[in-house]
Amino acid sequence: MGTVYQSCNWLRLPNTRSVENFKLTDGKSISERSLRLRGTTRQNVIDQGAEVIVRSAKRKYVTFAGDKRERKKLQAALRSEVQPY
Protein backbone atom coordinates (compact mmCIF):
# COMPACT_ATOMS: atom_id res chain seq x y z
CA MET A 1 0.00 0.00 0.00
CA GLY A 2 1.37 3.37 -0.96
CA THR A 3 3.95 1.72 -3.21
CA VAL A 4 4.19 4.66 -5.60
CA TYR A 5 4.51 7.16 -2.73
CA GLN A 6 7.23 5.03 -1.12
CA SER A 7 9.19 4.74 -4.36
CA CYS A 8 9.03 8.55 -4.76
CA ASN A 9 10.30 9.06 -1.17
CA TRP A 10 7.13 10.71 0.10
CA LEU A 11 6.58 10.79 3.86
CA ARG A 12 3.67 8.91 5.43
CA LEU A 13 1.64 10.83 8.02
CA PRO A 14 -0.89 9.44 10.53
CA ASN A 15 -4.22 8.33 9.08
CA THR A 16 -7.20 10.66 9.04
CA ARG A 17 -10.03 9.80 11.39
CA SER A 18 -13.04 7.86 10.17
CA VAL A 19 -16.04 10.05 9.35
CA GLU A 20 -19.79 9.50 9.51
CA ASN A 21 -21.91 10.62 6.57
CA PHE A 22 -25.68 10.45 6.53
CA LYS A 23 -27.94 9.31 3.69
CA LEU A 24 -31.17 11.22 4.11
CA THR A 25 -34.61 9.84 3.29
CA ASP A 26 -34.69 11.95 0.09
CA GLY A 27 -31.54 10.17 -1.14
CA LYS A 28 -29.08 13.01 -0.52
CA SER A 29 -25.86 12.29 1.33
CA ILE A 30 -24.47 14.87 3.75
CA SER A 31 -21.48 14.99 6.06
CA GLU A 32 -21.41 15.46 9.81
CA ARG A 33 -20.01 18.94 9.26
CA SER A 34 -22.96 19.87 7.05
CA LEU A 35 -25.33 19.02 9.89
CA ARG A 36 -23.93 21.87 11.97
CA LEU A 37 -24.30 24.26 9.06
CA ARG A 38 -27.97 23.23 8.74
CA GLY A 39 -28.51 23.81 12.47
CA THR A 40 -29.43 20.22 13.28
CA THR A 41 -27.83 17.39 15.21
CA ARG A 42 -26.77 13.86 14.43
CA GLN A 43 -29.52 12.41 16.60
CA ASN A 44 -32.25 14.51 14.94
CA VAL A 45 -31.23 13.27 11.49
CA ILE A 46 -31.12 9.63 12.65
CA ASP A 47 -34.56 10.01 14.27
CA GLN A 48 -35.90 11.27 10.92
CA GLY A 49 -34.76 8.02 9.28
CA ALA A 50 -31.31 8.85 7.90
CA GLU A 51 -28.88 5.99 7.33
CA VAL A 52 -25.40 6.31 8.88
CA ILE A 53 -22.54 5.58 6.45
CA VAL A 54 -19.06 5.30 7.98
CA ARG A 55 -16.15 6.34 5.75
CA SER A 56 -12.98 4.56 6.77
CA ALA A 57 -9.82 6.39 7.71
CA LYS A 58 -7.55 7.40 4.83
CA ARG A 59 -3.78 7.35 4.53
CA LYS A 60 -1.90 10.63 4.03
CA TYR A 61 1.40 11.22 2.29
CA VAL A 62 3.38 14.42 1.81
CA THR A 63 6.48 15.61 0.00
CA PHE A 64 8.29 18.92 -0.14
CA ALA A 65 9.81 20.77 -3.09
CA GLY A 66 12.99 22.82 -2.87
CA ASP A 67 16.63 22.24 -2.10
CA LYS A 68 17.78 19.85 0.62
CA ARG A 69 17.97 22.58 3.28
CA GLU A 70 14.43 23.83 2.57
CA ARG A 71 12.95 20.32 2.57
CA LYS A 72 14.60 19.53 5.91
CA LYS A 73 13.25 22.77 7.41
CA LEU A 74 9.73 22.05 6.15
CA GLN A 75 9.81 18.47 7.45
CA ALA A 76 10.84 19.75 10.90
CA ALA A 77 7.82 22.09 10.86
CA LEU A 78 5.33 19.23 10.41
CA ARG A 79 2.78 19.03 13.22
CA SER A 80 2.40 15.27 12.69
CA GLU A 81 5.02 12.64 13.29
CA VAL A 82 6.23 10.77 10.20
CA GLN A 83 5.01 7.16 10.27
CA PRO A 84 6.80 4.04 9.01
CA TYR A 85 5.38 2.42 5.86
PDB file of N, CA and C in Angstrom:
ATOM      1  N   MET A   1       0.840  -1.170   0.000  1.00  0.00           N
ATOM      2  CA  MET A   1       0.000   0.000   0.000  1.00  0.00           C
ATOM      3  C   MET A   1       0.891   1.242   0.000  1.00  0.00           C
ATOM      4  N   GLY A   2       0.564   2.165  -0.846  1.00  0.00           N
ATOM      5  CA  GLY A   2       1.369   3.369  -0.957  1.00  0.00           C
ATOM      6  C   GLY A   2       2.670   3.121  -1.682  1.00  0.00           C
ATOM      7  N   THR A   3       2.713   2.105  -2.534  1.00  0.00           N
ATOM      8  CA  THR A   3       3.951   1.717  -3.210  1.00  0.00           C
ATOM      9  C   THR A   3       4.538   2.859  -4.031  1.00  0.00           C
ATOM     10  N   VAL A   4       3.701   3.567  -4.762  1.00  0.00           N
ATOM     11  CA  VAL A   4       4.194   4.664  -5.596  1.00  0.00           C
ATOM     12  C   VAL A   4       4.747   5.783  -4.715  1.00  0.00           C
ATOM     13  N   TYR A   5       4.032   6.112  -3.637  1.00  0.00           N
ATOM     14  CA  TYR A   5       4.512   7.155  -2.728  1.00  0.00           C
ATOM     15  C   TYR A   5       5.853   6.761  -2.103  1.00  0.00           C
ATOM     16  N   GLN A   6       5.978   5.498  -1.712  1.00  0.00           N
ATOM     17  CA  GLN A   6       7.231   5.030  -1.125  1.00  0.00           C
ATOM     18  C   GLN A   6       8.375   5.133  -2.129  1.00  0.00           C
ATOM     19  N   SER A   7       8.124   4.719  -3.359  1.00  0.00           N
ATOM     20  CA  SER A   7       9.188   4.742  -4.361  1.00  0.00           C
ATOM     21  C   SER A   7       9.610   6.167  -4.727  1.00  0.00           C
ATOM     22  N   CYS A   8       8.716   7.145  -4.492  1.00  0.00           N
ATOM     23  CA  CYS A   8       9.031   8.555  -4.762  1.00  0.00           C
ATOM     24  C   CYS A   8       9.534   9.283  -3.521  1.00  0.00           C
ATOM     25  N   ASN A   9       9.777   8.535  -2.438  1.00  0.00           N
ATOM     26  CA  ASN A   9      10.304   9.063  -1.174  1.00  0.00           C
ATOM     27  C   ASN A   9       9.374  10.076  -0.493  1.00  0.00           C
ATOM     28  N   TRP A  10       8.074   9.876  -0.627  1.00  0.00           N
ATOM     29  CA  TRP A  10       7.129  10.714   0.097  1.00  0.00           C
ATOM     30  C   TRP A  10       7.105  10.249   1.545  1.00  0.00           C
ATOM     31  N   LEU A  11       6.660  11.105   2.440  1.00  0.00           N
ATOM     32  CA  LEU A  11       6.579  10.787   3.858  1.00  0.00           C
ATOM     33  C   LEU A  11       5.143  10.383   4.198  1.00  0.00           C
ATOM     34  N   ARG A  12       4.996   9.359   5.025  1.00  0.00           N
ATOM     35  CA  ARG A  12       3.670   8.907   5.432  1.00  0.00           C
ATOM     36  C   ARG A  12       3.319   9.581   6.757  1.00  0.00           C
ATOM     37  N   LEU A  13       2.139  10.175   6.812  1.00  0.00           N
ATOM     38  CA  LEU A  13       1.642  10.828   8.019  1.00  0.00           C
ATOM     39  C   LEU A  13       0.574   9.954   8.649  1.00  0.00           C
ATOM     40  N   PRO A  14       0.173  10.245   9.896  1.00  0.00           N
ATOM     41  CA  PRO A  14      -0.891   9.444  10.527  1.00  0.00           C
ATOM     42  C   PRO A  14      -2.179   9.487   9.704  1.00  0.00           C
ATOM     43  N   ASN A  15      -2.953   8.417   9.808  1.00  0.00           N
ATOM     44  CA  ASN A  15      -4.216   8.327   9.081  1.00  0.00           C
ATOM     45  C   ASN A  15      -5.193   9.403   9.543  1.00  0.00           C
ATOM     46  N   THR A  16      -6.111   9.768   8.648  1.00  0.00           N
ATOM     47  CA  THR A  16      -7.198  10.663   9.038  1.00  0.00           C
ATOM     48  C   THR A  16      -8.140   9.862   9.936  1.00  0.00           C
ATOM     49  N   ARG A  17      -9.074  10.538  10.562  1.00  0.00           N
ATOM     50  CA  ARG A  17     -10.033   9.804  11.387  1.00  0.00           C
ATOM     51  C   ARG A  17     -11.180   9.333  10.496  1.00  0.00           C
ATOM     52  N   SER A  18     -11.881   8.289  10.934  1.00  0.00           N
ATOM     53  CA  SER A  18     -13.043   7.860  10.166  1.00  0.00           C
ATOM     54  C   SER A  18     -14.150   8.895  10.351  1.00  0.00           C
ATOM     55  N   VAL A  19     -15.020   9.009   9.364  1.00  0.00           N
ATOM     56  CA  VAL A  19     -16.043  10.049   9.352  1.00  0.00           C
ATOM     57  C   VAL A  19     -17.405   9.410   9.097  1.00  0.00           C
ATOM     58  N   GLU A  20     -18.424   9.957   9.753  1.00  0.00           N
ATOM     59  CA  GLU A  20     -19.787   9.503   9.506  1.00  0.00           C
ATOM     60  C   GLU A  20     -20.480  10.443   8.532  1.00  0.00           C
ATOM     61  N   ASN A  21     -21.051   9.886   7.489  1.00  0.00           N
ATOM     62  CA  ASN A  21     -21.913  10.623   6.573  1.00  0.00           C
ATOM     63  C   ASN A  21     -23.320  10.085   6.763  1.00  0.00           C
ATOM     64  N   PHE A  22     -24.292  10.840   6.323  1.00  0.00           N
ATOM     65  CA  PHE A  22     -25.683  10.453   6.526  1.00  0.00           C
ATOM     66  C   PHE A  22     -26.424  10.473   5.199  1.00  0.00           C
ATOM     67  N   LYS A  23     -27.107   9.370   4.895  1.00  0.00           N
ATOM     68  CA  LYS A  23     -27.944   9.307   3.695  1.00  0.00           C
ATOM     69  C   LYS A  23     -29.363   9.621   4.144  1.00  0.00           C
ATOM     70  N   LEU A  24     -29.856  10.764   3.710  1.00  0.00           N
ATOM     71  CA  LEU A  24     -31.174  11.225   4.113  1.00  0.00           C
ATOM     72  C   LEU A  24     -32.268  10.445   3.393  1.00  0.00           C
ATOM     73  N   THR A  25     -33.487  10.573   3.878  1.00  0.00           N
ATOM     74  CA  THR A  25     -34.607   9.841   3.288  1.00  0.00           C
ATOM     75  C   THR A  25     -34.889  10.274   1.851  1.00  0.00           C
ATOM     76  N   ASP A  26     -34.491  11.494   1.472  1.00  0.00           N
ATOM     77  CA  ASP A  26     -34.691  11.953   0.092  1.00  0.00           C
ATOM     78  C   ASP A  26     -33.569  11.505  -0.846  1.00  0.00           C
ATOM     79  N   GLY A  27     -32.616  10.710  -0.327  1.00  0.00           N
ATOM     80  CA  GLY A  27     -31.541  10.169  -1.144  1.00  0.00           C
ATOM     81  C   GLY A  27     -30.261  10.982  -1.133  1.00  0.00           C
ATOM     82  N   LYS A  28     -30.281  12.185  -0.575  1.00  0.00           N
ATOM     83  CA  LYS A  28     -29.077  13.011  -0.517  1.00  0.00           C
ATOM     84  C   LYS A  28     -28.148  12.501   0.577  1.00  0.00           C
ATOM     85  N   SER A  29     -26.863  12.671   0.349  1.00  0.00           N
ATOM     86  CA  SER A  29     -25.862  12.290   1.327  1.00  0.00           C
ATOM     87  C   SER A  29     -25.177  13.555   1.846  1.00  0.00           C
ATOM     88  N   ILE A  30     -25.115  13.699   3.167  1.00  0.00           N
ATOM     89  CA  ILE A  30     -24.466  14.874   3.750  1.00  0.00           C
ATOM     90  C   ILE A  30     -23.471  14.434   4.812  1.00  0.00           C
ATOM     91  N   SER A  31     -22.517  15.287   5.076  1.00  0.00           N
ATOM     92  CA  SER A  31     -21.477  14.987   6.064  1.00  0.00           C
ATOM     93  C   SER A  31     -21.901  15.479   7.445  1.00  0.00           C
ATOM     94  N   GLU A  32     -21.162  15.033   8.435  1.00  0.00           N
ATOM     95  CA  GLU A  32     -21.411  15.455   9.812  1.00  0.00           C
ATOM     96  C   GLU A  32     -21.223  16.969   9.957  1.00  0.00           C
ATOM     97  N   ARG A  33     -20.264  17.499   9.224  1.00  0.00           N
ATOM     98  CA  ARG A  33     -20.006  18.937   9.262  1.00  0.00           C
ATOM     99  C   ARG A  33     -21.200  19.725   8.695  1.00  0.00           C
ATOM    100  N   SER A  34     -21.808  19.197   7.655  1.00  0.00           N
ATOM    101  CA  SER A  34     -22.957  19.866   7.048  1.00  0.00           C
ATOM    102  C   SER A  34     -24.147  19.944   8.000  1.00  0.00           C
ATOM    103  N   LEU A  35     -24.232  18.985   8.916  1.00  0.00           N
ATOM    104  CA  LEU A  35     -25.326  19.018   9.888  1.00  0.00           C
ATOM    105  C   LEU A  35     -25.269  20.291  10.721  1.00  0.00           C
ATOM    106  N   ARG A  36     -24.083  20.655  11.161  1.00  0.00           N
ATOM    107  CA  ARG A  36     -23.930  21.868  11.974  1.00  0.00           C
ATOM    108  C   ARG A  36     -24.322  23.104  11.180  1.00  0.00           C
ATOM    109  N   LEU A  37     -23.952  23.120   9.897  1.00  0.00           N
ATOM    110  CA  LEU A  37     -24.299  24.260   9.057  1.00  0.00           C
ATOM    111  C   LEU A  37     -25.809  24.373   8.851  1.00  0.00           C
ATOM    112  N   ARG A  38     -26.509  23.240   8.882  1.00  0.00           N
ATOM    113  CA  ARG A  38     -27.965  23.232   8.735  1.00  0.00           C
ATOM    114  C   ARG A  38     -28.684  23.473  10.066  1.00  0.00           C
ATOM    115  N   GLY A  39     -27.930  23.546  11.154  1.00  0.00           N
ATOM    116  CA  GLY A  39     -28.513  23.805  12.468  1.00  0.00           C
ATOM    117  C   GLY A  39     -29.241  22.621  13.060  1.00  0.00           C
ATOM    118  N   THR A  40     -28.818  21.424  12.724  1.00  0.00           N
ATOM    119  CA  THR A  40     -29.431  20.225  13.278  1.00  0.00           C
ATOM    120  C   THR A  40     -28.359  19.353  13.917  1.00  0.00           C
ATOM    121  N   THR A  41     -28.776  18.280  14.539  1.00  0.00           N
ATOM    122  CA  THR A  41     -27.833  17.388  15.212  1.00  0.00           C
ATOM    123  C   THR A  41     -27.867  16.006  14.575  1.00  0.00           C
ATOM    124  N   ARG A  42     -26.879  15.230  14.917  1.00  0.00           N
ATOM    125  CA  ARG A  42     -26.766  13.858  14.429  1.00  0.00           C
ATOM    126  C   ARG A  42     -28.001  13.057  14.833  1.00  0.00           C
ATOM    127  N   GLN A  43     -28.387  13.184  16.089  1.00  0.00           N
ATOM    128  CA  GLN A  43     -29.516  12.411  16.600  1.00  0.00           C
ATOM    129  C   GLN A  43     -30.828  12.790  15.908  1.00  0.00           C
ATOM    130  N   ASN A  44     -31.030  14.070  15.639  1.00  0.00           N
ATOM    131  CA  ASN A  44     -32.246  14.506  14.936  1.00  0.00           C
ATOM    132  C   ASN A  44     -32.346  13.875  13.562  1.00  0.00           C
ATOM    133  N   VAL A  45     -31.247  13.832  12.842  1.00  0.00           N
ATOM    134  CA  VAL A  45     -31.235  13.268  11.489  1.00  0.00           C
ATOM    135  C   VAL A  45     -31.499  11.768  11.540  1.00  0.00           C
ATOM    136  N   ILE A  46     -30.909  11.075  12.510  1.00  0.00           N
ATOM    137  CA  ILE A  46     -31.123   9.632  12.653  1.00  0.00           C
ATOM    138  C   ILE A  46     -32.582   9.358  13.008  1.00  0.00           C
ATOM    139  N   ASP A  47     -33.155  10.171  13.900  1.00  0.00           N
ATOM    140  CA  ASP A  47     -34.560  10.013  14.275  1.00  0.00           C
ATOM    141  C   ASP A  47     -35.500  10.217  13.092  1.00  0.00           C
ATOM    142  N   GLN A  48     -35.082  11.015  12.114  1.00  0.00           N
ATOM    143  CA  GLN A  48     -35.895  11.266  10.918  1.00  0.00           C
ATOM    144  C   GLN A  48     -35.719  10.165   9.867  1.00  0.00           C
ATOM    145  N   GLY A  49     -34.899   9.165  10.161  1.00  0.00           N
ATOM    146  CA  GLY A  49     -34.756   8.016   9.281  1.00  0.00           C
ATOM    147  C   GLY A  49     -33.513   7.997   8.415  1.00  0.00           C
ATOM    148  N   ALA A  50     -32.544   8.827   8.699  1.00  0.00           N
ATOM    149  CA  ALA A  50     -31.314   8.847   7.905  1.00  0.00           C
ATOM    150  C   ALA A  50     -30.468   7.612   8.206  1.00  0.00           C
ATOM    151  N   GLU A  51     -29.777   7.133   7.194  1.00  0.00           N
ATOM    152  CA  GLU A  51     -28.881   5.990   7.330  1.00  0.00           C
ATOM    153  C   GLU A  51     -27.465   6.502   7.575  1.00  0.00           C
ATOM    154  N   VAL A  52     -26.769   5.914   8.557  1.00  0.00           N
ATOM    155  CA  VAL A  52     -25.399   6.312   8.876  1.00  0.00           C
ATOM    156  C   VAL A  52     -24.442   5.508   8.000  1.00  0.00           C
ATOM    157  N   ILE A  53     -23.554   6.208   7.297  1.00  0.00           N
ATOM    158  CA  ILE A  53     -22.543   5.576   6.452  1.00  0.00           C
ATOM    159  C   ILE A  53     -21.179   5.993   6.990  1.00  0.00           C
ATOM    160  N   VAL A  54     -20.375   5.014   7.408  1.00  0.00           N
ATOM    161  CA  VAL A  54     -19.060   5.303   7.978  1.00  0.00           C
ATOM    162  C   VAL A  54     -18.005   5.217   6.887  1.00  0.00           C
ATOM    163  N   ARG A  55     -17.265   6.315   6.696  1.00  0.00           N
ATOM    164  CA  ARG A  55     -16.150   6.336   5.751  1.00  0.00           C
ATOM    165  C   ARG A  55     -14.899   5.982   6.528  1.00  0.00           C
ATOM    166  N   SER A  56     -14.172   5.017   6.054  1.00  0.00           N
ATOM    167  CA  SER A  56     -12.983   4.565   6.769  1.00  0.00           C
ATOM    168  C   SER A  56     -11.889   5.635   6.744  1.00  0.00           C
ATOM    169  N   ALA A  57     -10.947   5.476   7.642  1.00  0.00           N
ATOM    170  CA  ALA A  57      -9.816   6.394   7.712  1.00  0.00           C
ATOM    171  C   ALA A  57      -8.977   6.287   6.440  1.00  0.00           C
ATOM    172  N   LYS A  58      -8.362   7.380   6.039  1.00  0.00           N
ATOM    173  CA  LYS A  58      -7.546   7.403   4.828  1.00  0.00           C
ATOM    174  C   LYS A  58      -6.083   7.628   5.181  1.00  0.00           C
ATOM    175  N   ARG A  59      -5.212   7.134   4.336  1.00  0.00           N
ATOM    176  CA  ARG A  59      -3.777   7.346   4.528  1.00  0.00           C
ATOM    177  C   ARG A  59      -3.387   8.695   3.937  1.00  0.00           C
ATOM    178  N   LYS A  60      -2.376   9.337   4.531  1.00  0.00           N
ATOM    179  CA  LYS A  60      -1.904  10.630   4.030  1.00  0.00           C
ATOM    180  C   LYS A  60      -0.405  10.554   3.763  1.00  0.00           C
ATOM    181  N   TYR A  61      -0.012  11.137   2.659  1.00  0.00           N
ATOM    182  CA  TYR A  61       1.398  11.216   2.287  1.00  0.00           C
ATOM    183  C   TYR A  61       1.714  12.651   1.913  1.00  0.00           C
ATOM    184  N   VAL A  62       2.967  13.051   2.116  1.00  0.00           N
ATOM    185  CA  VAL A  62       3.377  14.421   1.813  1.00  0.00           C
ATOM    186  C   VAL A  62       4.810  14.414   1.294  1.00  0.00           C
ATOM    187  N   THR A  63       5.113  15.389   0.445  1.00  0.00           N
ATOM    188  CA  THR A  63       6.480  15.609  -0.001  1.00  0.00           C
ATOM    189  C   THR A  63       6.714  17.107  -0.079  1.00  0.00           C
ATOM    190  N   PHE A  64       7.946  17.510  -0.102  1.00  0.00           N
ATOM    191  CA  PHE A  64       8.288  18.921  -0.143  1.00  0.00           C
ATOM    192  C   PHE A  64       9.184  19.195  -1.342  1.00  0.00           C
ATOM    193  N   ALA A  65       8.981  20.356  -1.957  1.00  0.00           N
ATOM    194  CA  ALA A  65       9.805  20.774  -3.087  1.00  0.00           C
ATOM    195  C   ALA A  65      10.812  21.809  -2.601  1.00  0.00           C
ATOM    196  N   GLY A  66      11.953  21.857  -3.227  1.00  0.00           N
ATOM    197  CA  GLY A  66      12.986  22.816  -2.872  1.00  0.00           C
ATOM    198  C   GLY A  66      14.320  22.117  -2.722  1.00  0.00           C
ATOM    199  N   ASP A  67      15.328  22.870  -2.292  1.00  0.00           N
ATOM    200  CA  ASP A  67      16.628  22.241  -2.098  1.00  0.00           C
ATOM    201  C   ASP A  67      16.626  21.457  -0.786  1.00  0.00           C
ATOM    202  N   LYS A  68      17.706  20.751  -0.530  1.00  0.00           N
ATOM    203  CA  LYS A  68      17.783  19.853   0.618  1.00  0.00           C
ATOM    204  C   LYS A  68      17.551  20.598   1.940  1.00  0.00           C
ATOM    205  N   ARG A  69      18.106  21.784   2.069  1.00  0.00           N
ATOM    206  CA  ARG A  69      17.970  22.581   3.284  1.00  0.00           C
ATOM    207  C   ARG A  69      16.503  22.995   3.515  1.00  0.00           C
ATOM    208  N   GLU A  70      15.833  23.423   2.460  1.00  0.00           N
ATOM    209  CA  GLU A  70      14.431  23.828   2.574  1.00  0.00           C
ATOM    210  C   GLU A  70      13.528  22.650   2.926  1.00  0.00           C
ATOM    211  N   ARG A  71      13.762  21.508   2.283  1.00  0.00           N
ATOM    212  CA  ARG A  71      12.947  20.319   2.566  1.00  0.00           C
ATOM    213  C   ARG A  71      13.116  19.878   4.013  1.00  0.00           C
ATOM    214  N   LYS A  72      14.342  19.933   4.524  1.00  0.00           N
ATOM    215  CA  LYS A  72      14.599  19.529   5.909  1.00  0.00           C
ATOM    216  C   LYS A  72      13.894  20.484   6.875  1.00  0.00           C
ATOM    217  N   LYS A  73      13.912  21.771   6.577  1.00  0.00           N
ATOM    218  CA  LYS A  73      13.249  22.769   7.413  1.00  0.00           C
ATOM    219  C   LYS A  73      11.731  22.564   7.416  1.00  0.00           C
ATOM    220  N   LEU A  74      11.169  22.290   6.245  1.00  0.00           N
ATOM    221  CA  LEU A  74       9.730  22.053   6.148  1.00  0.00           C
ATOM    222  C   LEU A  74       9.315  20.771   6.872  1.00  0.00           C
ATOM    223  N   GLN A  75      10.121  19.727   6.770  1.00  0.00           N
ATOM    224  CA  GLN A  75       9.806  18.474   7.451  1.00  0.00           C
ATOM    225  C   GLN A  75       9.835  18.677   8.966  1.00  0.00           C
ATOM    226  N   ALA A  76      10.762  19.475   9.461  1.00  0.00           N
ATOM    227  CA  ALA A  76      10.842  19.746  10.897  1.00  0.00           C
ATOM    228  C   ALA A  76       9.616  20.531  11.386  1.00  0.00           C
ATOM    229  N   ALA A  77       8.981  21.286  10.488  1.00  0.00           N
ATOM    230  CA  ALA A  77       7.816  22.092  10.858  1.00  0.00           C
ATOM    231  C   ALA A  77       6.509  21.297  10.848  1.00  0.00           C
ATOM    232  N   LEU A  78       6.550  20.044  10.430  1.00  0.00           N
ATOM    233  CA  LEU A  78       5.330  19.227  10.405  1.00  0.00           C
ATOM    234  C   LEU A  78       4.753  19.093  11.810  1.00  0.00           C
ATOM    235  N   ARG A  79       3.443  19.209  11.926  1.00  0.00           N
ATOM    236  CA  ARG A  79       2.783  19.026  13.223  1.00  0.00           C
ATOM    237  C   ARG A  79       2.607  17.548  13.545  1.00  0.00           C
ATOM    238  N   SER A  80       2.595  16.703  12.519  1.00  0.00           N
ATOM    239  CA  SER A  80       2.402  15.270  12.690  1.00  0.00           C
ATOM    240  C   SER A  80       3.739  14.550  12.620  1.00  0.00           C
ATOM    241  N   GLU A  81       3.809  13.451  13.317  1.00  0.00           N
ATOM    242  CA  GLU A  81       5.019  12.643  13.293  1.00  0.00           C
ATOM    243  C   GLU A  81       5.002  11.756  12.045  1.00  0.00           C
ATOM    244  N   VAL A  82       6.136  11.626  11.387  1.00  0.00           N
ATOM    245  CA  VAL A  82       6.234  10.771  10.199  1.00  0.00           C
ATOM    246  C   VAL A  82       6.119   9.318  10.643  1.00  0.00           C
ATOM    247  N   GLN A  83       5.274   8.556   9.939  1.00  0.00           N
ATOM    248  CA  GLN A  83       5.006   7.161  10.274  1.00  0.00           C
ATOM    249  C   GLN A  83       5.827   6.223   9.388  1.00  0.00           C
ATOM    250  N   PRO A  84       6.138   5.023   9.871  1.00  0.00           N
ATOM    251  CA  PRO A  84       6.797   4.038   9.006  1.00  0.00           C
ATOM    252  C   PRO A  84       5.796   3.478   8.000  1.00  0.00           C
ATOM    253  N   TYR A  85       6.275   2.973   6.888  1.00  0.00           N
ATOM    254  CA  TYR A  85       5.384   2.415   5.864  1.00  0.00           C
ATOM    255  C   TYR A  85       4.829   1.092   6.276  1.00  0.00           C
TER     256      TYR A  85
END
